[in-house]
Amino acid sequence: MKKIIYTILVFIVASACTSNTIYKKPDNLISKKVMADILTDMYLAEGARSVHNKDLERSVDYMPLVYEKYQIDSIRFAESNFYYTTKIDDYEAILKTVDNRLKEMKIKYDAIAKKEDSIRRGKLNEKKILKKPTLEEKKQRKFEEEEEY
């Protein structure tokens, strides 16, 4: 008898834990492709928050620019984002797309930065070679030459 009661209680608890809520698709749902574009730009905007911009400002909020770019508001984004989070397979595919794009961008910009660094190092080396010695450097060189004899 106790086994039956425990079984019924476990069944009731297990059925109460599952969610049977079906979320209605919003009328102004953002497509998966555009959602991936928005999330990519949002991750970039969030990452740019801790970097100095050209005016040497930090903590600039670039999210309004993302909303403006895609002509949406934060409410429409929040509704679409919530809907996609309830459809975990769709949201996972969107996030994989975003992750792949960000990795491709990192590879691309790392290569550009490496090239610019090598150019900058080359220019510094040229300056060192073309730099005229100062009077102190001439005296030091002359002193070293005299010591060798």
C-alpha atoms as a PDB file:
ATOM      1  CA  MET A   1       0.000   0.000   0.000  1.00  0.00           C
ATOM      2  CA  LYS A   2       2.834   2.379   0.881  1.00  0.00           C
ATOM      3  CA  LYS A   3       4.514   1.664  -2.457  1.00  0.00           C
ATOM      4  CA  ILE A   4       1.386   2.693  -4.323  1.00  0.00           C
ATOM      5  CA  ILE A   5       1.081   5.927  -2.341  1.00  0.00           C
ATOM      6  CA  TYR A   6       4.772   6.757  -2.911  1.00  0.00           C
ATOM      7  CA  THR A   7       4.430   5.983  -6.601  1.00  0.00           C
ATOM      8  CA  ILE A   8       1.395   8.260  -6.899  1.00  0.00           C
ATOM      9  CA  LEU A   9       3.204  11.065  -5.000  1.00  0.00           C
ATOM     10  CA  VAL A  10       6.284  10.751  -7.206  1.00  0.00           C
ATOM     11  CA  PHE A  11       4.075  10.840 -10.303  1.00  0.00           C
ATOM     12  CA  ILE A  12       2.243  13.964  -9.061  1.00  0.00           C
ATOM     13  CA  VAL A  13       5.486  15.752  -8.198  1.00  0.00           C
ATOM     14  CA  ALA A  14       7.087  14.797 -11.520  1.00  0.00           C
ATOM     15  CA  SER A  15       4.086  15.963 -13.538  1.00  0.00           C
ATOM     16  CA  ALA A  16       3.951  19.240 -11.586  1.00  0.00           C
ATOM     17  CA  CYS A  17       7.588  19.962 -12.431  1.00  0.00           C
ATOM     18  CA  THR A  18       7.176  19.728 -16.178  1.00  0.00           C
ATOM     19  CA  SER A  19       6.061  22.802 -18.013  1.00  0.00           C
ATOM     20  CA  ASN A  20       3.269  22.427 -20.512  1.00  0.00           C
ATOM     21  CA  THR A  21       3.177  26.123 -21.258  1.00  0.00           C
ATOM     22  CA  ILE A  22       3.189  26.849 -24.945  1.00  0.00           C
ATOM     23  CA  TYR A  23       4.471  30.328 -25.682  1.00  0.00           C
ATOM     24  CA  LYS A  24       2.677  32.189 -28.399  1.00  0.00           C
ATOM     25  CA  LYS A  25       4.816  33.424 -31.256  1.00  0.00           C
ATOM     26  CA  PRO A  26       5.011  37.240 -31.064  1.00  0.00           C
ATOM     27  CA  ASP A  27       3.406  39.164 -33.903  1.00  0.00           C
ATOM     28  CA  ASN A  28       6.583  41.124 -34.551  1.00  0.00           C
ATOM     29  CA  LEU A  29       9.032  38.217 -34.186  1.00  0.00           C
ATOM     30  CA  ILE A  30      12.534  38.897 -35.448  1.00  0.00           C
ATOM     31  CA  SER A  31      13.707  36.263 -37.935  1.00  0.00           C
ATOM     32  CA  LYS A  32      16.462  33.841 -36.933  1.00  0.00           C
ATOM     33  CA  LYS A  33      18.934  35.322 -39.412  1.00  0.00           C
ATOM     34  CA  VAL A  34      18.363  38.892 -38.253  1.00  0.00           C
ATOM     35  CA  MET A  35      18.425  37.730 -34.623  1.00  0.00           C
ATOM     36  CA  ALA A  36      21.892  36.249 -35.206  1.00  0.00           C
ATOM     37  CA  ASP A  37      22.997  39.565 -36.759  1.00  0.00           C
ATOM     38  CA  ILE A  38      21.618  41.530 -33.807  1.00  0.00           C
ATOM     39  CA  LEU A  39      23.207  39.255 -31.206  1.00  0.00           C
ATOM     40  CA  THR A  40      26.569  39.453 -33.003  1.00  0.00           C
ATOM     41  CA  ASP A  41      26.447  43.243 -32.943  1.00  0.00           C
ATOM     42  CA  MET A  42      25.287  43.216 -29.325  1.00  0.00           C
ATOM     43  CA  TYR A  43      28.225  41.063 -28.239  1.00  0.00           C
ATOM     44  CA  LEU A  44      30.572  43.435 -30.067  1.00  0.00           C
ATOM     45  CA  ALA A  45      28.886  46.469 -28.493  1.00  0.00           C
ATOM     46  CA  GLU A  46      29.153  44.930 -25.043  1.00  0.00           C
ATOM     47  CA  GLY A  47      32.816  44.104 -25.607  1.00  0.00           C
ATOM     48  CA  ALA A  48      33.521  47.636 -26.809  1.00  0.00           C
ATOM     49  CA  ARG A  49      32.262  49.018 -23.524  1.00  0.00           C
ATOM     50  CA  SER A  50      35.579  48.401 -21.771  1.00  0.00           C
ATOM     51  CA  VAL A  51      37.764  49.734 -24.601  1.00  0.00           C
ATOM     52  CA  HIS A  52      38.670  53.381 -25.196  1.00  0.00           C
ATOM     53  CA  ASN A  53      36.994  54.836 -28.257  1.00  0.00           C
ATOM     54  CA  LYS A  54      38.684  57.405 -30.509  1.00  0.00           C
ATOM     55  CA  ASP A  55      37.748  60.190 -28.074  1.00  0.00           C
ATOM     56  CA  LEU A  56      39.369  58.178 -25.237  1.00  0.00           C
ATOM     57  CA  GLU A  57      36.011  57.604 -23.559  1.00  0.00           C
ATOM     58  CA  ARG A  58      35.125  54.390 -21.762  1.00  0.00           C
ATOM     59  CA  SER A  59      31.853  52.804 -20.717  1.00  0.00           C
ATOM     60  CA  VAL A  60      29.962  54.121 -23.721  1.00  0.00           C
ATOM     61  CA  ASP A  61      26.656  52.319 -24.252  1.00  0.00           C
ATOM     62  CA  TYR A  62      26.491  51.242 -27.891  1.00  0.00           C
ATOM     63  CA  MET A  63      23.265  49.216 -27.556  1.00  0.00           C
ATOM     64  CA  PRO A  64      21.034  52.072 -28.783  1.00  0.00           C
ATOM     65  CA  LEU A  65      23.113  52.108 -31.963  1.00  0.00           C
ATOM     66  CA  VAL A  66      22.433  48.400 -32.470  1.00  0.00           C
ATOM     67  CA  TYR A  67      18.690  48.948 -32.019  1.00  0.00           C
ATOM     68  CA  GLU A  68      18.836  51.877 -34.429  1.00  0.00           C
ATOM     69  CA  LYS A  69      20.788  49.874 -37.014  1.00  0.00           C
ATOM     70  CA  TYR A  70      18.120  47.164 -37.134  1.00  0.00           C
ATOM     71  CA  GLN A  71      15.224  49.586 -36.623  1.00  0.00           C
ATOM     72  CA  ILE A  72      13.888  47.748 -33.581  1.00  0.00           C
ATOM     73  CA  ASP A  73      13.275  48.693 -29.980  1.00  0.00           C
ATOM     74  CA  SER A  74      14.383  46.881 -26.852  1.00  0.00           C
ATOM     75  CA  ILE A  75      10.889  45.507 -26.208  1.00  0.00           C
ATOM     76  CA  ARG A  76      10.682  43.834 -29.602  1.00  0.00           C
ATOM     77  CA  PHE A  77      14.140  42.367 -29.087  1.00  0.00           C
ATOM     78  CA  ALA A  78      13.238  41.146 -25.580  1.00  0.00           C
ATOM     79  CA  GLU A  79      10.040  39.469 -26.815  1.00  0.00           C
ATOM     80  CA  SER A  80      11.827  37.753 -29.688  1.00  0.00           C
ATOM     81  CA  ASN A  81      14.744  36.748 -27.484  1.00  0.00           C
ATOM     82  CA  PHE A  82      12.363  35.283 -24.889  1.00  0.00           C
ATOM     83  CA  TYR A  83      10.484  33.352 -27.565  1.00  0.00           C
ATOM     84  CA  TYR A  84      13.704  31.884 -28.981  1.00  0.00           C
ATOM     85  CA  THR A  85      14.949  30.926 -25.511  1.00  0.00           C
ATOM     86  CA  THR A  86      11.807  28.827 -25.087  1.00  0.00           C
ATOM     87  CA  LYS A  87      12.659  27.079 -28.373  1.00  0.00           C
ATOM     88  CA  ILE A  88      16.063  25.848 -27.229  1.00  0.00           C
ATOM     89  CA  ASP A  89      16.997  24.125 -30.509  1.00  0.00           C
ATOM     90  CA  ASP A  90      16.385  27.303 -32.517  1.00  0.00           C
ATOM     91  CA  TYR A  91      18.229  29.449 -29.981  1.00  0.00           C
ATOM     92  CA  GLU A  92      21.182  27.072 -29.884  1.00  0.00           C
ATOM     93  CA  ALA A  93      21.482  27.273 -33.681  1.00  0.00           C
ATOM     94  CA  ILE A  94      21.364  31.080 -33.510  1.00  0.00           C
ATOM     95  CA  LEU A  95      24.062  31.169 -30.834  1.00  0.00           C
ATOM     96  CA  LYS A  96      26.291  28.785 -32.813  1.00  0.00           C
ATOM     97  CA  THR A  97      26.014  31.118 -35.793  1.00  0.00           C
ATOM     98  CA  VAL A  98      26.930  34.092 -33.606  1.00  0.00           C
ATOM     99  CA  ASP A  99      29.871  32.204 -32.073  1.00  0.00           C
ATOM    100  CA  ASN A 100      31.207  31.216 -35.503  1.00  0.00           C
ATOM    101  CA  ARG A 101      30.949  34.803 -36.754  1.00  0.00           C
ATOM    102  CA  LEU A 102      32.784  36.164 -33.724  1.00  0.00           C
ATOM    103  CA  LYS A 103      35.551  33.566 -34.109  1.00  0.00           C
ATOM    104  CA  GLU A 104      35.941  34.445 -37.809  1.00  0.00           C
ATOM    105  CA  MET A 105      36.135  38.149 -36.936  1.00  0.00           C
ATOM    106  CA  LYS A 106      38.773  37.471 -34.299  1.00  0.00           C
ATOM    107  CA  ILE A 107      40.925  35.521 -36.746  1.00  0.00           C
ATOM    108  CA  LYS A 108      40.563  38.254 -39.369  1.00  0.00           C
ATOM    109  CA  TYR A 109      41.386  41.135 -37.029  1.00  0.00           C
ATOM    110  CA  ASP A 110      44.225  39.272 -35.317  1.00  0.00           C
ATOM    111  CA  ALA A 111      45.858  38.847 -38.731  1.00  0.00           C
ATOM    112  CA  ILE A 112      45.395  42.559 -39.468  1.00  0.00           C
ATOM    113  CA  ALA A 113      46.810  43.534 -36.073  1.00  0.00           C
ATOM    114  CA  LYS A 114      49.806  41.247 -36.567  1.00  0.00           C
ATOM    115  CA  LYS A 115      50.506  42.821 -39.969  1.00  0.00           C
ATOM    116  CA  GLU A 116      50.186  46.348 -38.566  1.00  0.00           C
ATOM    117  CA  ASP A 117      52.505  45.458 -35.678  1.00  0.00           C
ATOM    118  CA  SER A 118      55.156  44.158 -38.084  1.00  0.00           C
ATOM    119  CA  ILE A 119      54.867  47.340 -40.173  1.00  0.00           C
ATOM    120  CA  ARG A 120      55.164  49.467 -37.032  1.00  0.00           C
ATOM    121  CA  ARG A 121      58.219  47.509 -35.874  1.00  0.00           C
ATOM    122  CA  GLY A 122      59.790  47.936 -39.314  1.00  0.00           C
ATOM    123  CA  LYS A 123      59.270  51.690 -39.177  1.00  0.00           C
ATOM    124  CA  LEU A 124      60.835  51.831 -35.718  1.00  0.00           C
ATOM    125  CA  ASN A 125      63.859  49.900 -36.963  1.00  0.00           C
ATOM    126  CA  GLU A 126      64.207  52.277 -39.921  1.00  0.00           C
ATOM    127  CA  LYS A 127      64.131  55.241 -37.560  1.00  0.00           C
ATOM    128  CA  LYS A 128      66.872  53.680 -35.457  1.00  0.00           C
ATOM    129  CA  ILE A 129      69.009  53.087 -38.541  1.00  0.00           C
ATOM    130  CA  LEU A 130      68.423  56.527 -40.039  1.00  0.00           C
ATOM    131  CA  LYS A 131      68.732  58.346 -36.741  1.00  0.00           C
ATOM    132  CA  LYS A 132      71.771  60.617 -36.544  1.00  0.00           C
ATOM    133  CA  PRO A 133      73.976  59.965 -33.555  1.00  0.00           C
ATOM    134  CA  THR A 134      73.956  62.572 -30.822  1.00  0.00           C
ATOM    135  CA  LEU A 135      77.101  64.311 -29.628  1.00  0.00           C
ATOM    136  CA  GLU A 136      77.256  62.039 -26.579  1.00  0.00           C
ATOM    137  CA  GLU A 137      76.950  58.949 -28.768  1.00  0.00           C
ATOM    138  CA  LYS A 138      79.819  60.217 -30.972  1.00  0.00           C
ATOM    139  CA  LYS A 139      82.009  60.837 -27.917  1.00  0.00           C
ATOM    140  CA  GLN A 140      81.169  57.405 -26.514  1.00  0.00           C
ATOM    141  CA  ARG A 141      81.987  55.735 -29.824  1.00  0.00           C
ATOM    142  CA  LYS A 142      85.280  57.647 -30.091  1.00  0.00           C
ATOM    143  CA  PHE A 143      86.145  56.686 -26.508  1.00  0.00           C
ATOM    144  CA  GLU A 144      85.418  53.001 -27.239  1.00  0.00           C
ATOM    145  CA  GLU A 145      87.578  53.125 -30.375  1.00  0.00           C
ATOM    146  CA  GLU A 146      90.478  54.632 -28.412  1.00  0.00           C
ATOM    147  CA  GLU A 147      90.211  51.884 -25.788  1.00  0.00           C
ATOM    148  CA  GLU A 148      90.517  49.225 -28.458  1.00  0.00           C
ATOM    149  CA  TYR A 149      93.927  50.540 -29.578  1.00  0.00           C
END
